[in-house]
């Protein structure tokens, strides 16, 4: 990170530790600094992912009793019965095992998402950046889903579901043909606060999946999921909360 604000003010702003003057100064800085805006979005995404992951888990009753008994023994007066060292090791091993299981369960969806997608992160980002060049964003420009959806008929071996979410703040801009992983795909384009979101769609025989945790690279975020015979990947430089909101709307 080359911006001084990223190192000195970002985390304080995120945690609500800046005073009113400092927070206002940082917010003004965000209007002109893409680096800090991207870093803030990444931190907010990480925080929301941790909050949704449900990492907290109550220890089993038996484990709590063992720990409590160990603490009582440790504070017992001289001459009291001492707990053998192997029992302490058993308690520590149990705690480590429980923590490892839940840590693996939290990380697994992100690994599965990357492994199961039929395209790479580099391909997704390249396709998104390429679409932002003049004249490449849409092949059919329309806010009417009844215009965009029929346009794909005959151009692909499938017709993607097309919906407009203007009332929710995600306006349909249009659609185009694109290529990901060597396959022809449909690209639906939405706008959000002057930013564009590409939603790549292609058919799949794989079962439905939930919306996977976000990926982040080069300042762009993406979300991947499968629903009713279609595979989706939404990518943009909007915040992850915005991207997740659109993914939820499309998932319905």
Protein backbone atom coordinates (compact mmCIF):
# COMPACT_ATOMS: atom_id res chain seq x y z
CA UNK A 1 0.00 0.00 0.00
CA UNK A 2 1.49 3.32 -1.03
CA UNK A 3 -1.15 5.67 0.39
CA UNK A 4 -0.39 6.98 3.88
CA UNK A 5 -4.09 7.04 4.76
CA UNK A 6 -4.33 3.28 4.14
CA UNK A 7 -1.67 2.67 6.77
CA UNK A 8 -2.63 5.30 9.33
CA UNK A 9 -6.39 5.95 9.20
CA UNK A 10 -8.22 3.09 7.48
CA UNK A 11 -8.48 0.69 10.40
CA UNK A 12 -9.29 3.47 12.83
CA UNK A 13 -12.13 4.58 10.54
CA UNK A 14 -13.37 1.01 10.11
CA UNK A 15 -13.40 0.42 13.89
CA UNK A 16 -15.02 3.79 14.68
CA UNK A 17 -11.94 5.02 16.57
CA UNK A 18 -11.46 8.29 14.66
CA UNK A 19 -12.94 11.51 16.02
CA UNK A 20 -15.53 13.37 13.94
CA UNK A 21 -12.89 15.55 12.26
CA UNK A 22 -10.64 12.62 11.40
CA UNK A 23 -13.55 10.54 10.06
CA UNK A 24 -14.77 13.42 7.87
CA UNK A 25 -11.26 13.98 6.51
CA UNK A 26 -10.89 10.28 5.65
CA UNK A 27 -14.30 10.21 3.93
CA UNK A 28 -13.28 13.18 1.77
CA UNK A 29 -10.05 11.33 0.96
CA UNK A 30 -12.03 8.24 -0.15
CA UNK A 31 -13.71 10.28 -2.90
CA UNK A 32 -10.40 10.62 -4.75
CA UNK A 33 -8.34 7.60 -3.62
CA UNK A 34 -9.13 4.31 -5.33
CA UNK A 35 -6.50 2.50 -3.26
CA UNK A 36 -8.15 3.36 0.06
CA UNK A 37 -11.63 2.69 -1.34
CA UNK A 38 -10.54 -0.76 -2.49
CA UNK A 39 -8.76 -1.51 0.79
CA UNK A 40 -11.78 -0.40 2.82
CA UNK A 41 -14.09 -2.58 0.73
CA UNK A 42 -11.80 -5.57 1.26
CA UNK A 43 -11.71 -5.03 5.04
CA UNK A 44 -15.49 -4.64 5.21
CA UNK A 45 -15.89 -7.81 3.13
CA UNK A 46 -13.58 -9.74 5.47
CA UNK A 47 -15.43 -8.49 8.54
CA UNK A 48 -18.86 -9.40 7.11
CA UNK A 49 -17.59 -12.85 6.05
CA UNK A 50 -16.30 -13.53 9.57
CA UNK A 51 -19.55 -12.33 11.11
CA UNK A 52 -21.62 -14.59 8.82
CA UNK A 53 -19.36 -17.61 9.17
CA UNK A 54 -20.60 -18.62 12.62
CA UNK A 55 -17.12 -19.54 13.89
CA UNK A 56 -18.28 -19.42 17.52
CA UNK A 57 -19.24 -22.78 18.94
CA UNK A 58 -20.00 -23.68 22.55
CA UNK A 59 -17.65 -26.28 23.98
CA UNK A 60 -19.23 -29.67 24.77
CA UNK A 61 -20.38 -30.12 28.38
CA UNK A 62 -17.81 -32.84 28.98
CA UNK A 63 -14.96 -30.63 27.77
CA UNK A 64 -16.11 -27.73 29.97
CA UNK A 65 -16.17 -30.04 33.00
CA UNK A 66 -12.63 -31.25 32.28
CA UNK A 67 -11.31 -27.70 31.95
CA UNK A 68 -13.11 -26.57 35.09
CA UNK A 69 -11.74 -29.55 37.04
CA UNK A 70 -8.25 -28.78 35.77
CA UNK A 71 -8.54 -25.15 36.86
CA UNK A 72 -9.80 -26.20 40.30
CA UNK A 73 -6.88 -28.58 40.67
CA UNK A 74 -4.40 -25.92 39.63
CA UNK A 75 -5.61 -23.56 42.34
CA UNK A 76 -5.92 -26.25 45.03
CA UNK A 77 -3.85 -25.79 48.23
CA UNK A 78 -0.62 -27.77 48.75
CA UNK A 79 -1.23 -31.42 49.54
CA UNK A 80 -4.35 -31.65 47.39
CA UNK A 81 -4.63 -34.35 44.74
CA UNK A 82 -2.79 -33.34 41.59
CA UNK A 83 -4.07 -34.07 38.09
CA UNK A 84 -1.62 -36.17 36.02
CA UNK A 85 0.12 -34.34 33.19
CA UNK A 86 -1.38 -36.65 30.59
CA UNK A 87 -4.86 -35.43 31.51
CA UNK A 88 -3.81 -31.84 30.78
CA UNK A 89 -2.44 -32.98 27.44
CA UNK A 90 -5.72 -34.71 26.65
CA UNK A 91 -7.69 -31.53 27.40
CA UNK A 92 -5.35 -29.44 25.24
CA UNK A 93 -5.61 -31.94 22.39
CA UNK A 94 -9.42 -31.85 22.60
CA UNK A 95 -9.47 -28.06 22.38
CA UNK A 96 -7.08 -28.11 19.42
CA UNK A 97 -9.20 -30.73 17.64
CA UNK A 98 -12.42 -28.73 18.05
CA UNK A 99 -10.75 -25.53 16.85
CA UNK A 100 -9.23 -27.30 13.82
CA UNK A 101 -12.57 -28.79 12.77
CA UNK A 102 -14.36 -25.45 12.76
CA UNK A 103 -11.46 -23.65 11.11
CA UNK A 104 -11.43 -26.22 8.30
CA UNK A 105 -15.21 -25.99 7.94
CA UNK A 106 -14.97 -22.20 7.55
CA UNK A 107 -12.19 -22.29 4.96
CA UNK A 108 -13.59 -25.16 2.89
CA UNK A 109 -16.31 -23.20 1.01
CA UNK A 110 -13.73 -20.74 -0.34
CA UNK A 111 -11.49 -23.57 -1.57
CA UNK A 112 -14.42 -25.44 -3.08
CA UNK A 113 -15.57 -22.28 -4.85
CA UNK A 114 -12.21 -21.75 -6.53
CA UNK A 115 -11.82 -25.41 -7.44
CA UNK A 116 -15.33 -25.95 -8.82
CA UNK A 117 -15.60 -22.88 -11.07
CA UNK A 118 -15.04 -23.67 -14.80
CA UNK A 119 -12.94 -20.51 -15.19
CA UNK A 120 -10.10 -18.81 -13.37
CA UNK A 121 -10.02 -15.54 -11.44
CA UNK A 122 -7.70 -14.07 -14.08
CA UNK A 123 -10.20 -14.90 -16.84
CA UNK A 124 -13.07 -13.30 -14.93
CA UNK A 125 -11.17 -10.09 -14.25
CA UNK A 126 -9.77 -9.88 -17.78
CA UNK A 127 -13.26 -10.26 -19.24
CA UNK A 128 -14.62 -7.58 -16.90
CA UNK A 129 -11.80 -5.11 -17.64
CA UNK A 130 -12.11 -5.78 -21.38
CA UNK A 131 -15.82 -5.00 -21.23
CA UNK A 132 -15.09 -1.55 -19.77
CA UNK A 133 -13.22 -0.47 -22.88
CA UNK A 134 -15.21 1.80 -25.19
CA UNK A 135 -17.72 -0.12 -27.30
CA UNK A 136 -17.26 -3.45 -25.52
CA UNK A 137 -19.72 -3.27 -22.64
CA UNK A 138 -22.88 -4.50 -24.41
CA UNK A 139 -23.94 -6.09 -27.68
CA UNK A 140 -27.55 -5.26 -26.89
CA UNK A 141 -28.13 -2.12 -24.81
CA UNK A 142 -31.51 -2.03 -23.08
CA UNK A 143 -33.02 -1.71 -19.63
CA UNK A 144 -35.90 -3.99 -20.70
CA UNK A 145 -35.36 -7.66 -19.82
CA UNK A 146 -37.93 -8.56 -22.51
CA UNK A 147 -35.54 -7.07 -25.06
CA UNK A 148 -32.28 -8.44 -23.67
CA UNK A 149 -33.40 -12.04 -23.04
CA UNK A 150 -34.73 -12.74 -26.58
CA UNK A 151 -31.56 -11.26 -28.06
CA UNK A 152 -29.57 -14.26 -26.80
CA UNK A 153 -31.95 -16.73 -28.46
CA UNK A 154 -30.14 -18.41 -31.36
CA UNK A 155 -26.77 -16.89 -30.45
CA UNK A 156 -26.10 -19.38 -27.67
CA UNK A 157 -27.18 -22.96 -26.99
CA UNK A 158 -29.11 -21.64 -23.99
CA UNK A 159 -31.05 -18.53 -23.01
CA UNK A 160 -30.01 -17.00 -19.66
CA UNK A 161 -32.55 -15.74 -17.13
CA UNK A 162 -32.66 -11.94 -17.39
CA UNK A 163 -34.13 -9.69 -14.70
CA UNK A 164 -34.05 -5.97 -14.01
CA UNK A 165 -33.61 -4.80 -10.43
CA UNK A 166 -33.83 -1.04 -10.93
CA UNK A 167 -36.18 -0.71 -7.95
CA UNK A 168 -33.50 -2.31 -5.77
CA UNK A 169 -30.73 -0.06 -7.12
CA UNK A 170 -29.32 -2.41 -9.77
CA UNK A 171 -30.39 -1.25 -13.23
CA UNK A 172 -30.08 -3.58 -16.19
CA UNK A 173 -27.81 -2.03 -18.83
CA UNK A 174 -27.84 -4.79 -21.44
CA UNK A 175 -26.06 -7.97 -22.43
CA UNK A 176 -23.36 -9.38 -24.67
CA UNK A 177 -21.60 -12.57 -25.71
CA UNK A 178 -18.31 -13.40 -24.02
CA UNK A 179 -15.91 -16.32 -23.56
CA UNK A 180 -14.73 -17.84 -20.26
CA UNK A 181 -12.77 -21.04 -19.87
CA UNK A 182 -13.03 -21.64 -23.60
CA UNK A 183 -16.85 -21.58 -23.45
CA UNK A 184 -19.32 -19.12 -24.91
CA UNK A 185 -21.18 -17.44 -22.07
CA UNK A 186 -23.83 -14.79 -21.64
CA UNK A 187 -22.82 -11.58 -19.89
CA UNK A 188 -25.54 -9.53 -18.24
CA UNK A 189 -24.54 -5.98 -17.33
CA UNK A 190 -25.93 -4.03 -14.38
CA UNK A 191 -25.09 -0.58 -13.05
CA UNK A 192 -24.71 0.43 -9.42
CA UNK A 193 -23.77 4.00 -8.42
CA UNK A 194 -21.93 4.65 -11.72
CA UNK A 195 -20.14 1.29 -11.49
CA UNK A 196 -20.76 -1.64 -13.81
CA UNK A 197 -21.29 -5.24 -12.72
CA UNK A 198 -20.82 -8.14 -15.12
CA UNK A 199 -22.81 -11.28 -14.39
CA UNK A 200 -21.52 -14.19 -16.46
CA UNK A 201 -24.03 -17.01 -17.03
CA UNK A 202 -23.60 -20.47 -18.55
CA UNK A 203 -25.45 -23.78 -18.25
CA UNK A 204 -24.29 -26.49 -15.83
CA UNK A 205 -25.27 -30.01 -14.84
CA UNK A 206 -23.83 -29.57 -11.36
CA UNK A 207 -26.19 -29.29 -8.37
CA UNK A 208 -27.17 -25.93 -6.90
CA UNK A 209 -24.72 -24.27 -4.54
CA UNK A 210 -25.09 -21.32 -2.18
CA UNK A 211 -23.43 -18.01 -3.01
CA UNK A 212 -19.75 -18.67 -2.32
CA UNK A 213 -17.54 -16.36 -0.24
CA UNK A 214 -16.10 -13.46 -2.23
CA UNK A 215 -12.85 -13.46 -4.16
CA UNK A 216 -10.70 -10.34 -4.37
CA UNK A 217 -7.92 -9.56 -6.83
CA UNK A 218 -6.54 -6.37 -8.36
CA UNK A 219 -9.28 -4.32 -6.73
CA UNK A 220 -12.10 -6.42 -8.25
CA UNK A 221 -14.42 -8.74 -6.34
CA UNK A 222 -16.50 -11.65 -7.56
CA UNK A 223 -19.19 -14.00 -6.31
CA UNK A 224 -19.89 -17.45 -7.74
CA UNK A 225 -22.93 -19.77 -7.39
CA UNK A 226 -25.11 -22.30 -9.20
CA UNK A 227 -28.88 -22.14 -9.41
CA UNK A 228 -31.48 -24.11 -11.38
CA UNK A 229 -29.15 -25.44 -14.06
CA UNK A 230 -27.21 -22.21 -14.51
CA UNK A 231 -23.77 -21.17 -13.27
CA UNK A 232 -23.28 -17.53 -12.31
CA UNK A 233 -20.30 -15.32 -11.58
CA UNK A 234 -20.75 -11.63 -10.74
CA UNK A 235 -17.67 -9.38 -10.83
CA UNK A 236 -17.15 -5.65 -10.28
CA UNK A 237 -15.24 -3.03 -8.31
CA UNK A 238 -18.29 -2.25 -6.15
CA UNK A 239 -18.21 -3.20 -2.47
CA UNK A 240 -18.80 -6.83 -1.60
CA UNK A 241 -22.01 -5.90 0.22
CA UNK A 242 -23.40 -4.49 -3.06
CA UNK A 243 -22.19 -7.49 -5.05
CA UNK A 244 -23.70 -9.90 -2.53
CA UNK A 245 -27.01 -8.02 -2.62
CA UNK A 246 -27.23 -8.41 -6.39
CA UNK A 247 -26.25 -12.09 -6.12
CA UNK A 248 -29.08 -12.64 -3.64
CA UNK A 249 -31.57 -10.97 -5.99
CA UNK A 250 -30.44 -13.18 -8.87
CA UNK A 251 -30.50 -16.28 -6.64
CA UNK A 252 -34.20 -15.92 -5.85
